[in-house]
Amino acid sequence: MINELDKDKKEKFYSYLKSLLIGSGLTPKEAQQVVDEMEEEEGEGEGMIKILEKEWKRGKIEGRLEGAVERARNDIYEILEARFGNVPEDIKEAIGKITNLKKLSELHKKSVFVKDFDEFREFLK
């Protein structure tokens, strides 16, 4: 699909990709290197995917995701503790097993509105 884009749209695509890579934790220089490699592999969809997989395996992107998950968990703990006191271990353990950011975001919202720990536990199921 990238091959079908005109020059301006390709430049925008690679610019957006670079921004996403920087947002995921790469330095601007590292992001540019990835984009350069992908431009070289243009037309080779599998080659482009392999480049992104390589970055994932290097841990740059994965590490940022893990950090975001940990921050989301801590935000939930802080809200629950501020509202109800010490967070029970069963709730901490259940939240600690969740790695899906969307699910953690939903729980974060629920933590603001639940009436007690028991109601929050229901959302964990």
Foldseek 3Di string as FASTA:
>chain_A
DLVPDDPVVNVVVLVVQLVVLVVLADDSVVSVVLSVQLVVCPVPVVSNVVSVVVVVVVVRNVVSLVVLLVVLLVLLQVLQCVVANHDDPVVSVLSVVDSDPVLSVVLSVVSNPDPHVVVSVVSSD
